[in-house]
């Protein structure tokens, strides 16, 4: 198995960006996100989204 196979992660499904308020709250810190309030699912603010990407990144 190559490193590329090991580190491949399926592309995450992201909610559509909102055109304006109201925005959904981040499920971790409760700050406003870039996603519409009507979106049903997990939404993260840009900071928590970046931190989550760092936690799940392949350290190879």
C-alpha atoms as a PDB file:
ATOM      1  CA  UNK A   1       0.000   0.000   0.000  1.00  0.00           C
ATOM      2  CA  UNK A   2       1.473   3.378  -0.979  1.00  0.00           C
ATOM      3  CA  UNK A   3       1.411   6.521   1.162  1.00  0.00           C
ATOM      4  CA  UNK A   4      -1.022   8.043  -1.307  1.00  0.00           C
ATOM      5  CA  UNK A   5      -3.516   5.197  -0.759  1.00  0.00           C
ATOM      6  CA  UNK A   6      -3.135   5.490   3.003  1.00  0.00           C
ATOM      7  CA  UNK A   7      -3.704   9.256   3.107  1.00  0.00           C
ATOM      8  CA  UNK A   8      -6.565   9.477   0.630  1.00  0.00           C
ATOM      9  CA  UNK A   9      -9.693  10.815   2.286  1.00  0.00           C
ATOM     10  CA  UNK A  10     -13.062  10.986   0.556  1.00  0.00           C
ATOM     11  CA  UNK A  11     -14.046  14.516  -0.359  1.00  0.00           C
ATOM     12  CA  UNK A  12     -16.231  15.985   2.381  1.00  0.00           C
ATOM     13  CA  UNK A  13     -19.717  17.111   1.469  1.00  0.00           C
ATOM     14  CA  UNK A  14     -20.090  20.787   2.271  1.00  0.00           C
ATOM     15  CA  UNK A  15     -23.304  22.732   2.649  1.00  0.00           C
ATOM     16  CA  UNK A  16     -24.005  25.496   0.116  1.00  0.00           C
ATOM     17  CA  UNK A  17     -22.699  28.978   1.008  1.00  0.00           C
ATOM     18  CA  UNK A  18     -25.378  31.416   2.177  1.00  0.00           C
ATOM     19  CA  UNK A  19     -26.097  34.586   0.206  1.00  0.00           C
ATOM     20  CA  UNK A  20     -26.741  36.473   3.444  1.00  0.00           C
ATOM     21  CA  UNK A  21     -28.172  36.222   6.959  1.00  0.00           C
ATOM     22  CA  UNK A  22     -29.488  34.283   8.766  1.00  0.00           C
ATOM     23  CA  UNK A  23     -26.444  32.052   9.119  1.00  0.00           C
ATOM     24  CA  UNK A  24     -26.269  28.667  10.829  1.00  0.00           C
ATOM     25  CA  UNK A  25     -24.346  28.458  14.119  1.00  0.00           C
ATOM     26  CA  UNK A  26     -21.122  26.451  14.343  1.00  0.00           C
ATOM     27  CA  UNK A  27     -21.809  23.151  16.107  1.00  0.00           C
ATOM     28  CA  UNK A  28     -18.571  23.483  18.111  1.00  0.00           C
ATOM     29  CA  UNK A  29     -18.273  27.138  19.174  1.00  0.00           C
ATOM     30  CA  UNK A  30     -21.740  28.557  18.309  1.00  0.00           C
ATOM     31  CA  UNK A  31     -20.225  31.370  16.168  1.00  0.00           C
ATOM     32  CA  UNK A  32     -21.967  32.208  12.856  1.00  0.00           C
ATOM     33  CA  UNK A  33     -20.880  30.142   9.858  1.00  0.00           C
ATOM     34  CA  UNK A  34     -20.881  30.890   6.126  1.00  0.00           C
ATOM     35  CA  UNK A  35     -23.804  28.486   5.641  1.00  0.00           C
ATOM     36  CA  UNK A  36     -27.557  29.145   5.591  1.00  0.00           C
ATOM     37  CA  UNK A  37     -29.544  28.623   8.772  1.00  0.00           C
ATOM     38  CA  UNK A  38     -31.921  26.373   6.812  1.00  0.00           C
ATOM     39  CA  UNK A  39     -29.164  23.791   6.147  1.00  0.00           C
ATOM     40  CA  UNK A  40     -29.831  20.508   7.937  1.00  0.00           C
ATOM     41  CA  UNK A  41     -26.551  18.958   9.043  1.00  0.00           C
ATOM     42  CA  UNK A  42     -23.227  19.739  10.680  1.00  0.00           C
ATOM     43  CA  UNK A  43     -21.943  23.266  10.062  1.00  0.00           C
ATOM     44  CA  UNK A  44     -18.606  24.660  11.209  1.00  0.00           C
ATOM     45  CA  UNK A  45     -17.326  28.243  11.268  1.00  0.00           C
ATOM     46  CA  UNK A  46     -14.166  28.933   9.234  1.00  0.00           C
ATOM     47  CA  UNK A  47     -11.924  28.687  12.332  1.00  0.00           C
ATOM     48  CA  UNK A  48     -13.338  25.351  13.537  1.00  0.00           C
ATOM     49  CA  UNK A  49     -13.391  24.041   9.951  1.00  0.00           C
ATOM     50  CA  UNK A  50      -9.662  24.826   9.628  1.00  0.00           C
ATOM     51  CA  UNK A  51      -8.859  23.278  13.027  1.00  0.00           C
ATOM     52  CA  UNK A  52     -10.810  20.131  12.143  1.00  0.00           C
ATOM     53  CA  UNK A  53      -8.914  19.865   8.854  1.00  0.00           C
ATOM     54  CA  UNK A  54      -5.623  20.132  10.794  1.00  0.00           C
ATOM     55  CA  UNK A  55      -6.708  17.359  13.190  1.00  0.00           C
ATOM     56  CA  UNK A  56      -7.709  14.996  10.406  1.00  0.00           C
ATOM     57  CA  UNK A  57      -4.849  15.761   8.001  1.00  0.00           C
ATOM     58  CA  UNK A  58      -2.411  12.976   7.177  1.00  0.00           C
ATOM     59  CA  UNK A  59       0.838  13.586   9.030  1.00  0.00           C
ATOM     60  CA  UNK A  60       2.547  11.103   6.717  1.00  0.00           C
END
